[in-house]
Amino acid sequence: MGNFRDLHTLDEVSNFIHKHQLAFLYITQPNCSVCHGLLPQVQALMEKYPKIALAKVDAVEVQAIAGEFSIFTAPVLLLFIDGKEYLREARIVQMDFLKKNWIASIIM
């Protein structure tokens, strides 16, 4: 699927999750250096898994996302399978762990 699609409302987020069997959300904030530094690494990893639909949400723009998904920090990486949250990583994401345990265990 390639690049992350920007979502701008909670309805768009909900529709995205329920439309795709495998849906990945990257929740970010504008002034978050960790968010901006991690995004290219996650995007490079996700290119290996074209069946996963990718979306990005600005938690400042879509403030209701914090309550909807119990988000207390950024970035937050969420993977949904058939509309249900399956995996979550937040703030300090270990890319090696993500590669070995997160995505590979589901897709392979």
N, C-alpha and C. Protein backbone atom coordinates (compact mmCIF):
# COMPACT_ATOMS: atom_id res chain seq x y z
N MET A 1 0.81 -1.19 0.00
CA MET A 1 0.00 0.00 0.00
C MET A 1 0.86 1.25 0.00
N GLY A 2 2.08 1.17 0.46
CA GLY A 2 2.99 2.30 0.31
C GLY A 2 2.97 3.31 1.41
N ASN A 3 2.52 4.51 1.11
CA ASN A 3 2.60 5.63 2.04
C ASN A 3 1.46 5.63 3.05
N PHE A 4 1.69 6.40 4.10
CA PHE A 4 0.68 6.57 5.13
C PHE A 4 -0.38 7.56 4.64
N ARG A 5 -1.61 7.18 4.79
CA ARG A 5 -2.74 8.06 4.47
C ARG A 5 -3.02 8.92 5.69
N ASP A 6 -3.20 10.23 5.51
CA ASP A 6 -3.52 11.12 6.62
C ASP A 6 -5.01 11.06 6.91
N LEU A 7 -5.35 10.84 8.17
CA LEU A 7 -6.75 10.83 8.61
C LEU A 7 -6.97 12.07 9.48
N HIS A 8 -8.14 12.71 9.32
CA HIS A 8 -8.37 14.00 9.97
C HIS A 8 -9.55 14.03 10.94
N THR A 9 -10.29 12.93 11.04
CA THR A 9 -11.41 12.88 11.98
C THR A 9 -11.46 11.48 12.61
N LEU A 10 -12.15 11.40 13.73
CA LEU A 10 -12.33 10.11 14.39
C LEU A 10 -13.16 9.17 13.52
N ASP A 11 -14.12 9.71 12.77
CA ASP A 11 -14.91 8.88 11.85
C ASP A 11 -14.02 8.28 10.77
N GLU A 12 -13.09 9.07 10.23
CA GLU A 12 -12.16 8.55 9.22
C GLU A 12 -11.31 7.42 9.80
N VAL A 13 -10.88 7.59 11.05
CA VAL A 13 -10.07 6.55 11.72
C VAL A 13 -10.89 5.27 11.86
N SER A 14 -12.11 5.40 12.36
CA SER A 14 -12.97 4.24 12.55
C SER A 14 -13.25 3.53 11.22
N ASN A 15 -13.57 4.30 10.19
CA ASN A 15 -13.84 3.72 8.87
C ASN A 15 -12.61 3.01 8.33
N PHE A 16 -11.44 3.61 8.51
CA PHE A 16 -10.19 3.02 8.04
C PHE A 16 -9.95 1.66 8.72
N ILE A 17 -10.11 1.62 10.03
CA ILE A 17 -9.87 0.39 10.79
C ILE A 17 -10.82 -0.72 10.35
N HIS A 18 -12.07 -0.36 10.14
CA HIS A 18 -13.06 -1.39 9.80
C HIS A 18 -13.09 -1.75 8.32
N LYS A 19 -12.52 -0.92 7.48
CA LYS A 19 -12.48 -1.19 6.05
C LYS A 19 -11.38 -2.19 5.68
N HIS A 20 -10.30 -2.20 6.47
CA HIS A 20 -9.13 -3.02 6.13
C HIS A 20 -8.96 -4.16 7.13
N GLN A 21 -8.70 -5.35 6.61
CA GLN A 21 -8.45 -6.48 7.49
C GLN A 21 -7.23 -6.23 8.37
N LEU A 22 -6.17 -5.68 7.76
CA LEU A 22 -4.95 -5.33 8.49
C LEU A 22 -4.79 -3.81 8.39
N ALA A 23 -4.97 -3.13 9.51
CA ALA A 23 -4.90 -1.66 9.53
C ALA A 23 -3.87 -1.22 10.56
N PHE A 24 -2.97 -0.36 10.13
CA PHE A 24 -1.89 0.14 10.99
C PHE A 24 -2.06 1.65 11.15
N LEU A 25 -2.13 2.11 12.39
CA LEU A 25 -2.23 3.54 12.68
C LEU A 25 -0.95 4.04 13.32
N TYR A 26 -0.46 5.16 12.83
CA TYR A 26 0.69 5.84 13.41
C TYR A 26 0.15 7.15 13.96
N ILE A 27 0.08 7.26 15.28
CA ILE A 27 -0.46 8.45 15.93
C ILE A 27 0.70 9.33 16.37
N THR A 28 0.67 10.57 15.93
CA THR A 28 1.79 11.48 16.07
C THR A 28 1.33 12.82 16.62
N GLN A 29 2.29 13.69 16.91
CA GLN A 29 2.03 15.07 17.29
C GLN A 29 3.03 15.96 16.55
N PRO A 30 2.63 17.19 16.22
CA PRO A 30 3.48 18.05 15.41
C PRO A 30 4.86 18.36 16.01
N ASN A 31 4.95 18.58 17.29
CA ASN A 31 6.23 18.98 17.89
C ASN A 31 6.96 17.82 18.56
N CYS A 32 6.72 16.62 18.10
CA CYS A 32 7.31 15.42 18.70
C CYS A 32 8.50 14.96 17.87
N SER A 33 9.70 15.17 18.37
CA SER A 33 10.90 14.77 17.62
C SER A 33 10.99 13.26 17.47
N VAL A 34 10.55 12.52 18.47
CA VAL A 34 10.56 11.05 18.38
C VAL A 34 9.63 10.61 17.25
N CYS A 35 8.45 11.24 17.17
CA CYS A 35 7.48 10.91 16.13
C CYS A 35 8.08 11.10 14.74
N HIS A 36 8.71 12.25 14.54
CA HIS A 36 9.27 12.57 13.22
C HIS A 36 10.48 11.71 12.89
N GLY A 37 11.28 11.36 13.87
CA GLY A 37 12.44 10.51 13.63
C GLY A 37 12.09 9.06 13.38
N LEU A 38 11.03 8.59 14.02
CA LEU A 38 10.64 7.19 13.90
C LEU A 38 9.85 6.90 12.62
N LEU A 39 9.09 7.87 12.16
CA LEU A 39 8.21 7.64 11.02
C LEU A 39 8.92 7.07 9.79
N PRO A 40 10.06 7.60 9.35
CA PRO A 40 10.72 7.02 8.17
C PRO A 40 11.17 5.57 8.39
N GLN A 41 11.55 5.24 9.61
CA GLN A 41 11.96 3.86 9.91
C GLN A 41 10.77 2.92 9.84
N VAL A 42 9.65 3.36 10.38
CA VAL A 42 8.44 2.54 10.34
C VAL A 42 7.95 2.40 8.90
N GLN A 43 8.00 3.49 8.17
CA GLN A 43 7.56 3.45 6.78
C GLN A 43 8.42 2.48 5.96
N ALA A 44 9.72 2.50 6.17
CA ALA A 44 10.61 1.57 5.46
C ALA A 44 10.28 0.13 5.81
N LEU A 45 10.00 -0.14 7.06
CA LEU A 45 9.63 -1.49 7.49
C LEU A 45 8.31 -1.91 6.86
N MET A 46 7.35 -1.02 6.86
CA MET A 46 6.02 -1.37 6.38
C MET A 46 5.97 -1.58 4.87
N GLU A 47 6.96 -1.09 4.14
CA GLU A 47 7.01 -1.34 2.70
C GLU A 47 7.15 -2.82 2.39
N LYS A 48 7.65 -3.57 3.35
CA LYS A 48 7.81 -5.02 3.18
C LYS A 48 6.48 -5.76 3.35
N TYR A 49 5.46 -5.07 3.83
CA TYR A 49 4.17 -5.69 4.13
C TYR A 49 3.04 -4.94 3.42
N PRO A 50 2.93 -5.09 2.11
CA PRO A 50 1.96 -4.31 1.34
C PRO A 50 0.50 -4.62 1.66
N LYS A 51 0.23 -5.71 2.34
CA LYS A 51 -1.16 -6.05 2.68
C LYS A 51 -1.68 -5.24 3.86
N ILE A 52 -0.78 -4.57 4.57
CA ILE A 52 -1.20 -3.77 5.72
C ILE A 52 -1.51 -2.35 5.24
N ALA A 53 -2.73 -1.91 5.50
CA ALA A 53 -3.13 -0.54 5.17
C ALA A 53 -2.53 0.40 6.21
N LEU A 54 -1.99 1.53 5.76
CA LEU A 54 -1.26 2.45 6.64
C LEU A 54 -1.98 3.79 6.74
N ALA A 55 -2.06 4.31 7.96
CA ALA A 55 -2.64 5.64 8.16
C ALA A 55 -1.91 6.34 9.28
N LYS A 56 -1.95 7.67 9.20
CA LYS A 56 -1.29 8.52 10.19
C LYS A 56 -2.32 9.52 10.71
N VAL A 57 -2.28 9.75 12.03
CA VAL A 57 -3.23 10.66 12.66
C VAL A 57 -2.46 11.63 13.54
N ASP A 58 -2.74 12.91 13.40
CA ASP A 58 -2.18 13.95 14.26
C ASP A 58 -3.09 14.06 15.48
N ALA A 59 -2.56 13.69 16.65
CA ALA A 59 -3.35 13.67 17.88
C ALA A 59 -3.75 15.07 18.35
N VAL A 60 -3.08 16.10 17.87
CA VAL A 60 -3.48 17.46 18.21
C VAL A 60 -4.69 17.86 17.36
N GLU A 61 -4.66 17.48 16.10
CA GLU A 61 -5.78 17.78 15.20
C GLU A 61 -7.02 16.97 15.57
N VAL A 62 -6.83 15.69 15.85
CA VAL A 62 -7.93 14.78 16.19
C VAL A 62 -7.82 14.47 17.68
N GLN A 63 -8.18 15.43 18.50
CA GLN A 63 -7.99 15.29 19.95
C GLN A 63 -8.80 14.14 20.55
N ALA A 64 -9.91 13.80 19.95
CA ALA A 64 -10.75 12.72 20.48
C ALA A 64 -10.08 11.36 20.39
N ILE A 65 -9.02 11.25 19.60
CA ILE A 65 -8.35 9.96 19.46
C ILE A 65 -7.71 9.52 20.78
N ALA A 66 -7.31 10.49 21.59
CA ALA A 66 -6.69 10.16 22.89
C ALA A 66 -7.66 9.38 23.77
N GLY A 67 -8.88 9.84 23.85
CA GLY A 67 -9.88 9.14 24.65
C GLY A 67 -10.35 7.85 24.03
N GLU A 68 -10.49 7.85 22.72
CA GLU A 68 -10.99 6.67 22.01
C GLU A 68 -10.05 5.48 22.14
N PHE A 69 -8.74 5.74 22.11
CA PHE A 69 -7.75 4.65 22.13
C PHE A 69 -6.83 4.69 23.36
N SER A 70 -7.20 5.46 24.38
CA SER A 70 -6.39 5.56 25.61
C SER A 70 -4.93 5.90 25.28
N ILE A 71 -4.74 7.02 24.62
CA ILE A 71 -3.41 7.47 24.21
C ILE A 71 -2.93 8.55 25.16
N PHE A 72 -1.76 8.34 25.73
CA PHE A 72 -1.22 9.28 26.71
C PHE A 72 0.11 9.89 26.28
N THR A 73 0.63 9.46 25.15
CA THR A 73 1.93 9.92 24.67
C THR A 73 1.96 9.79 23.15
N ALA A 74 3.04 10.17 22.56
CA ALA A 74 3.22 10.00 21.11
C ALA A 74 4.69 9.69 20.87
N PRO A 75 4.99 8.94 19.84
CA PRO A 75 4.06 8.29 18.93
C PRO A 75 3.44 7.04 19.52
N VAL A 76 2.34 6.64 18.92
CA VAL A 76 1.71 5.36 19.25
C VAL A 76 1.50 4.62 17.94
N LEU A 77 1.88 3.36 17.94
CA LEU A 77 1.72 2.50 16.78
C LEU A 77 0.69 1.45 17.14
N LEU A 78 -0.37 1.37 16.35
CA LEU A 78 -1.44 0.42 16.62
C LEU A 78 -1.67 -0.45 15.38
N LEU A 79 -1.78 -1.73 15.58
CA LEU A 79 -2.12 -2.65 14.50
C LEU A 79 -3.46 -3.29 14.84
N PHE A 80 -4.38 -3.21 13.88
CA PHE A 80 -5.71 -3.79 14.03
C PHE A 80 -5.86 -4.93 13.04
N ILE A 81 -6.44 -6.01 13.52
CA ILE A 81 -6.76 -7.15 12.66
C ILE A 81 -8.27 -7.35 12.77
N ASP A 82 -8.91 -7.28 11.62
CA ASP A 82 -10.37 -7.41 11.56
C ASP A 82 -11.07 -6.47 12.54
N GLY A 83 -10.57 -5.24 12.63
CA GLY A 83 -11.20 -4.21 13.44
C GLY A 83 -10.88 -4.23 14.91
N LYS A 84 -10.07 -5.17 15.35
CA LYS A 84 -9.72 -5.28 16.77
C LYS A 84 -8.25 -4.95 16.97
N GLU A 85 -7.98 -4.17 18.02
CA GLU A 85 -6.58 -3.85 18.32
C GLU A 85 -5.84 -5.12 18.68
N TYR A 86 -4.74 -5.35 17.98
CA TYR A 86 -3.96 -6.56 18.19
C TYR A 86 -2.63 -6.25 18.86
N LEU A 87 -1.98 -5.19 18.43
CA LEU A 87 -0.67 -4.82 18.99
C LEU A 87 -0.57 -3.32 19.17
N ARG A 88 0.24 -2.91 20.17
CA ARG A 88 0.43 -1.50 20.47
C ARG A 88 1.86 -1.28 20.95
N GLU A 89 2.46 -0.23 20.44
CA GLU A 89 3.76 0.25 20.92
C GLU A 89 3.63 1.76 21.09
N ALA A 90 4.32 2.29 22.08
CA ALA A 90 4.22 3.73 22.33
C ALA A 90 5.56 4.31 22.74
N ARG A 91 5.74 5.56 22.38
CA ARG A 91 6.87 6.45 22.71
C ARG A 91 8.22 5.92 22.23
N ILE A 92 8.84 5.08 23.01
CA ILE A 92 10.16 4.54 22.64
C ILE A 92 9.94 3.16 22.00
N VAL A 93 10.03 3.12 20.69
CA VAL A 93 9.77 1.90 19.94
C VAL A 93 11.09 1.28 19.53
N GLN A 94 11.29 0.05 19.90
CA GLN A 94 12.48 -0.69 19.51
C GLN A 94 12.22 -1.32 18.14
N MET A 95 12.86 -0.80 17.11
CA MET A 95 12.61 -1.28 15.75
C MET A 95 12.96 -2.76 15.58
N ASP A 96 14.00 -3.24 16.24
CA ASP A 96 14.34 -4.66 16.14
C ASP A 96 13.21 -5.52 16.70
N PHE A 97 12.65 -5.11 17.83
CA PHE A 97 11.53 -5.84 18.41
C PHE A 97 10.35 -5.81 17.47
N LEU A 98 10.08 -4.65 16.90
CA LEU A 98 8.97 -4.49 15.98
C LEU A 98 9.13 -5.43 14.79
N LYS A 99 10.33 -5.48 14.23
CA LYS A 99 10.60 -6.33 13.07
C LYS A 99 10.45 -7.81 13.40
N LYS A 100 11.02 -8.23 14.51
CA LYS A 100 11.07 -9.66 14.83
C LYS A 100 9.76 -10.19 15.41
N ASN A 101 9.17 -9.45 16.31
CA ASN A 101 8.05 -9.99 17.08
C ASN A 101 6.69 -9.47 16.68
N TRP A 102 6.66 -8.27 16.23
CA TRP A 102 5.39 -7.60 15.99
C TRP A 102 4.81 -8.03 14.66
N ILE A 103 5.37 -7.52 13.61
CA ILE A 103 4.83 -7.71 12.28
C ILE A 103 5.08 -9.13 11.77
N ALA A 104 6.27 -9.63 11.91
CA ALA A 104 6.63 -10.93 11.35
C ALA A 104 5.75 -12.04 11.91
N SER A 105 5.41 -11.97 13.18
CA SER A 105 4.61 -13.04 13.78
C SER A 105 3.19 -13.06 13.23
N ILE A 106 2.72 -11.94 12.72
CA ILE A 106 1.37 -11.86 12.21
C ILE A 106 1.31 -12.18 10.73
N ILE A 107 2.24 -11.66 9.98
CA ILE A 107 2.18 -11.73 8.52
C ILE A 107 2.80 -13.01 7.98
N MET A 108 3.81 -13.50 8.61
CA MET A 108 4.53 -14.65 8.05
C MET A 108 3.78 -15.95 8.25
